[in-house]
Amino acid sequence: MRIQTAIYQTMIFIAILPVLLAQESSTHSLPQWWHNWKQTPAFSSSFIQEGESVAFGKLSKKGVIQVAKGGKLRVEYEKGVLLLCDGKHLTQYDLSTRTAQMFDLENISLEWPLLRLLIDTNTINQVFNITAQNDGAILLSPKKTDLPEILLEGKGSFLQRATWTDGTGAKQILTLTAPSVPKNLDNSSFIFKPPSGTKWIR
């Protein structure tokens, strides 16, 4: 549970990113945006993550996300946390404390099943069931009790919004404000280059 606790607050939204694949028991009724979305090889977008809880009230964060096949991920909050995944390791860098942590993807995916939604699409059907809603949305229902139920809304070829309740009981809404397929995606974007003075947490 140590790894899950370390990255939970800054990675909670990962559960709904674009390489989602789930068990599609009613494929014929799923909206077209979902089929298009699954075929997207890579994407980038600015995003807004909004949360609301009894303890902390309303919170809003902005950032930019990039995703590519092979488990590659870059999530950069404005003046905050940077998350990078090169396909083998996940690195979390906190700008405010200038500290970094690195996790082995194989190990962390076993402890944190939500991460499988990005790095191991072949096993997603072991984690979620998928159901089409009447309004064109999709509901991901977890097969394990420790995972959240996630409502996905999309349009065209992209996910637009995801809504769920995190482990603290706070409602979370992630909105991709300008999703697109990049013409060129530099692999170096997914490799962490420690700034001078970075302290590693082992």
Protein backbone atom coordinates (compact mmCIF):
# COMPACT_ATOMS: atom_id res chain seq x y z
CA MET A 1 0.00 0.00 0.00
CA ARG A 2 3.05 2.30 0.33
CA ILE A 3 3.28 3.01 -3.37
CA GLN A 4 -0.45 3.52 -3.70
CA THR A 5 -0.40 6.13 -0.94
CA ALA A 6 2.60 7.92 -2.40
CA ILE A 7 1.03 8.66 -5.76
CA TYR A 8 -2.71 8.45 -5.09
CA GLN A 9 -3.44 12.17 -4.75
CA THR A 10 -1.55 13.22 -7.85
CA MET A 11 -2.48 10.32 -10.11
CA ILE A 12 -6.10 9.67 -9.27
CA PHE A 13 -7.28 10.88 -12.67
CA ILE A 14 -5.21 8.28 -14.53
CA ALA A 15 -8.10 5.90 -14.29
CA ILE A 16 -9.82 7.55 -17.20
CA LEU A 17 -7.18 8.24 -19.79
CA PRO A 18 -7.37 7.30 -23.44
CA VAL A 19 -6.05 3.83 -23.73
CA LEU A 20 -8.86 2.46 -21.65
CA LEU A 21 -10.04 -0.98 -22.67
CA ALA A 22 -12.75 -2.80 -20.78
CA GLN A 23 -14.94 -5.85 -21.11
CA GLU A 24 -17.53 -4.93 -23.70
CA SER A 25 -20.41 -7.29 -23.12
CA SER A 26 -22.73 -5.01 -25.10
CA THR A 27 -20.42 -3.77 -27.85
CA HIS A 28 -23.24 -3.09 -30.27
CA SER A 29 -24.68 -0.36 -28.03
CA LEU A 30 -21.46 1.48 -27.24
CA PRO A 31 -21.16 4.99 -28.72
CA GLN A 32 -18.91 5.61 -31.73
CA TRP A 33 -16.66 8.02 -29.85
CA TRP A 34 -15.60 5.11 -27.62
CA HIS A 35 -14.55 2.95 -30.58
CA ASN A 36 -12.66 5.89 -32.10
CA TRP A 37 -11.04 6.68 -28.77
CA LYS A 38 -9.65 3.18 -28.32
CA GLN A 39 -7.95 3.34 -31.72
CA THR A 40 -6.15 6.60 -30.97
CA PRO A 41 -2.41 5.78 -30.95
CA ALA A 42 -1.43 8.92 -29.05
CA PHE A 43 -2.99 12.14 -27.82
CA SER A 44 -2.25 15.35 -25.99
CA SER A 45 -4.53 17.82 -24.26
CA SER A 46 -4.77 20.54 -21.68
CA PHE A 47 -7.00 19.54 -18.79
CA ILE A 48 -8.85 20.82 -15.76
CA GLN A 49 -9.24 18.60 -12.71
CA GLU A 50 -11.90 19.72 -10.24
CA GLY A 51 -12.51 18.19 -6.86
CA GLU A 52 -14.96 18.82 -4.06
CA SER A 53 -14.89 17.36 -0.56
CA VAL A 54 -16.20 18.17 2.89
CA ALA A 55 -12.67 18.54 4.29
CA PHE A 56 -11.05 20.67 1.57
CA GLY A 57 -13.98 22.26 -0.24
CA LYS A 58 -13.62 22.93 -3.95
CA LEU A 59 -10.25 22.56 -5.61
CA SER A 60 -9.27 23.11 -9.24
CA LYS A 61 -6.01 22.27 -11.00
CA LYS A 62 -4.89 22.73 -14.59
CA GLY A 63 -2.26 20.95 -16.58
CA VAL A 64 -1.23 19.19 -19.77
CA ILE A 65 -1.24 15.47 -20.51
CA GLN A 66 0.40 13.39 -23.22
CA VAL A 67 -0.09 9.67 -23.78
CA ALA A 68 1.42 7.27 -26.31
CA LYS A 69 1.40 3.53 -26.86
CA GLY A 70 3.82 1.43 -24.90
CA GLY A 71 2.80 2.80 -21.50
CA LYS A 72 4.23 6.25 -22.15
CA LEU A 73 2.72 9.06 -20.15
CA ARG A 74 3.44 12.67 -19.24
CA VAL A 75 1.22 14.63 -16.86
CA GLU A 76 2.32 18.12 -15.93
CA TYR A 77 0.34 20.23 -13.48
CA GLU A 78 0.78 23.98 -13.61
CA LYS A 79 3.43 24.83 -10.99
CA GLY A 80 3.03 21.44 -9.39
CA VAL A 81 3.68 17.75 -9.81
CA LEU A 82 5.18 16.14 -12.90
CA LEU A 83 4.47 12.49 -13.68
CA LEU A 84 6.49 10.67 -16.34
CA CYS A 85 6.31 7.11 -17.55
CA ASP A 86 8.77 5.76 -20.13
CA GLY A 87 7.12 2.35 -20.47
CA LYS A 88 9.20 0.70 -17.76
CA HIS A 89 9.34 3.14 -14.85
CA LEU A 90 7.04 5.78 -13.42
CA THR A 91 8.67 8.92 -11.98
CA GLN A 92 6.92 11.48 -9.80
CA TYR A 93 8.60 14.88 -9.35
CA ASP A 94 7.32 17.48 -6.90
CA LEU A 95 8.45 20.96 -7.90
CA SER A 96 7.57 22.47 -4.52
CA THR A 97 9.91 20.16 -2.59
CA ARG A 98 12.29 19.32 -5.47
CA THR A 99 11.91 15.64 -4.65
CA ALA A 100 11.50 12.70 -6.99
CA GLN A 101 10.41 9.08 -6.67
CA MET A 102 10.75 6.27 -9.19
CA PHE A 103 8.62 3.13 -9.30
CA ASP A 104 8.90 -0.03 -11.35
CA LEU A 105 5.83 -0.26 -13.56
CA GLU A 106 5.43 -4.00 -13.25
CA ASN A 107 5.40 -3.85 -9.47
CA ILE A 108 3.30 -0.74 -9.13
CA SER A 109 0.63 -2.02 -11.50
CA LEU A 110 0.14 -4.99 -9.20
CA GLU A 111 -0.36 -2.72 -6.19
CA TRP A 112 -2.40 -0.09 -8.03
CA PRO A 113 -4.78 -1.66 -10.58
CA LEU A 114 -5.96 1.73 -11.86
CA LEU A 115 -2.59 2.21 -13.51
CA ARG A 116 -3.29 -0.76 -15.75
CA LEU A 117 -5.73 1.41 -17.65
CA LEU A 118 -2.67 3.04 -19.21
CA ILE A 119 0.18 0.59 -19.16
CA ASP A 120 -1.45 -2.80 -19.72
CA THR A 121 -4.60 -2.57 -21.82
CA ASN A 122 -4.67 -6.34 -22.36
CA THR A 123 -5.70 -6.92 -18.74
CA ILE A 124 -8.28 -4.16 -18.34
CA ASN A 125 -11.12 -6.62 -18.80
CA GLN A 126 -9.97 -8.17 -15.52
CA VAL A 127 -10.60 -4.89 -13.72
CA PHE A 128 -13.70 -3.18 -15.21
CA ASN A 129 -16.99 -3.99 -16.87
CA ILE A 130 -18.34 -1.45 -19.35
CA THR A 131 -21.92 -0.38 -19.92
CA ALA A 132 -23.33 2.10 -22.43
CA GLN A 133 -25.67 4.72 -21.00
CA ASN A 134 -28.76 6.14 -22.73
CA ASP A 135 -27.17 9.58 -23.19
CA GLY A 136 -24.09 8.31 -25.02
CA ALA A 137 -21.93 8.11 -21.91
CA ILE A 138 -20.13 5.00 -20.68
CA LEU A 139 -20.02 3.59 -17.17
CA LEU A 140 -16.97 1.66 -15.99
CA SER A 141 -17.95 -0.61 -13.12
CA PRO A 142 -15.08 -2.10 -11.09
CA LYS A 143 -14.80 -5.80 -10.47
CA LYS A 144 -12.87 -5.04 -7.29
CA THR A 145 -14.39 -3.16 -4.37
CA ASP A 146 -11.38 -0.86 -3.88
CA LEU A 147 -11.77 0.82 -7.28
CA PRO A 148 -14.13 3.70 -8.15
CA GLU A 149 -17.04 3.63 -10.57
CA ILE A 150 -16.24 6.01 -13.44
CA LEU A 151 -18.60 7.83 -15.78
CA LEU A 152 -17.10 8.76 -19.16
CA GLU A 153 -18.46 11.28 -21.66
CA GLY A 154 -17.03 11.81 -25.12
CA LYS A 155 -17.57 13.28 -28.54
CA GLY A 156 -16.11 12.59 -31.97
CA SER A 157 -12.88 10.69 -31.39
CA PHE A 158 -12.07 11.79 -27.87
CA LEU A 159 -12.98 11.49 -24.26
CA GLN A 160 -14.24 14.84 -22.98
CA ARG A 161 -15.09 14.34 -19.33
CA ALA A 162 -14.74 11.75 -16.58
CA THR A 163 -16.48 11.82 -13.22
CA TRP A 164 -15.80 9.62 -10.19
CA THR A 165 -15.49 9.65 -6.39
CA ASP A 166 -11.98 9.14 -5.03
CA GLY A 167 -10.88 7.22 -1.96
CA THR A 168 -11.39 10.22 0.31
CA GLY A 169 -15.04 10.58 -0.71
CA ALA A 170 -14.36 13.64 -2.85
CA LYS A 171 -16.10 13.99 -6.21
CA GLN A 172 -13.58 14.38 -9.03
CA ILE A 173 -14.19 15.73 -12.53
CA LEU A 174 -11.53 15.63 -15.21
CA THR A 175 -12.19 17.65 -18.36
CA LEU A 176 -9.96 17.43 -21.42
CA THR A 177 -10.25 20.91 -22.85
CA ALA A 178 -8.45 20.50 -26.18
CA PRO A 179 -7.69 16.85 -27.03
CA SER A 180 -5.93 16.15 -30.31
CA VAL A 181 -3.61 13.69 -32.01
CA PRO A 182 -0.15 15.30 -32.14
CA LYS A 183 1.66 15.39 -35.48
CA ASN A 184 4.97 14.67 -33.80
CA LEU A 185 5.45 13.28 -30.32
CA ASP A 186 9.04 13.32 -29.08
CA ASN A 187 9.91 10.24 -27.00
CA SER A 188 12.19 12.42 -24.87
CA SER A 189 9.02 14.00 -23.44
CA PHE A 190 8.50 10.81 -21.44
CA ILE A 191 12.01 10.62 -19.99
CA PHE A 192 12.74 12.30 -16.67
CA LYS A 193 15.73 14.61 -16.57
CA PRO A 194 16.28 15.56 -12.91
CA PRO A 195 16.67 19.30 -12.37
CA SER A 196 19.73 20.41 -10.44
CA GLY A 197 19.24 19.87 -6.72
CA THR A 198 16.68 17.07 -7.06
CA LYS A 199 16.47 14.86 -3.98
CA TRP A 200 15.50 11.23 -4.58
CA ILE A 201 13.14 9.51 -2.17
CA ARG A 202 13.91 5.80 -2.00
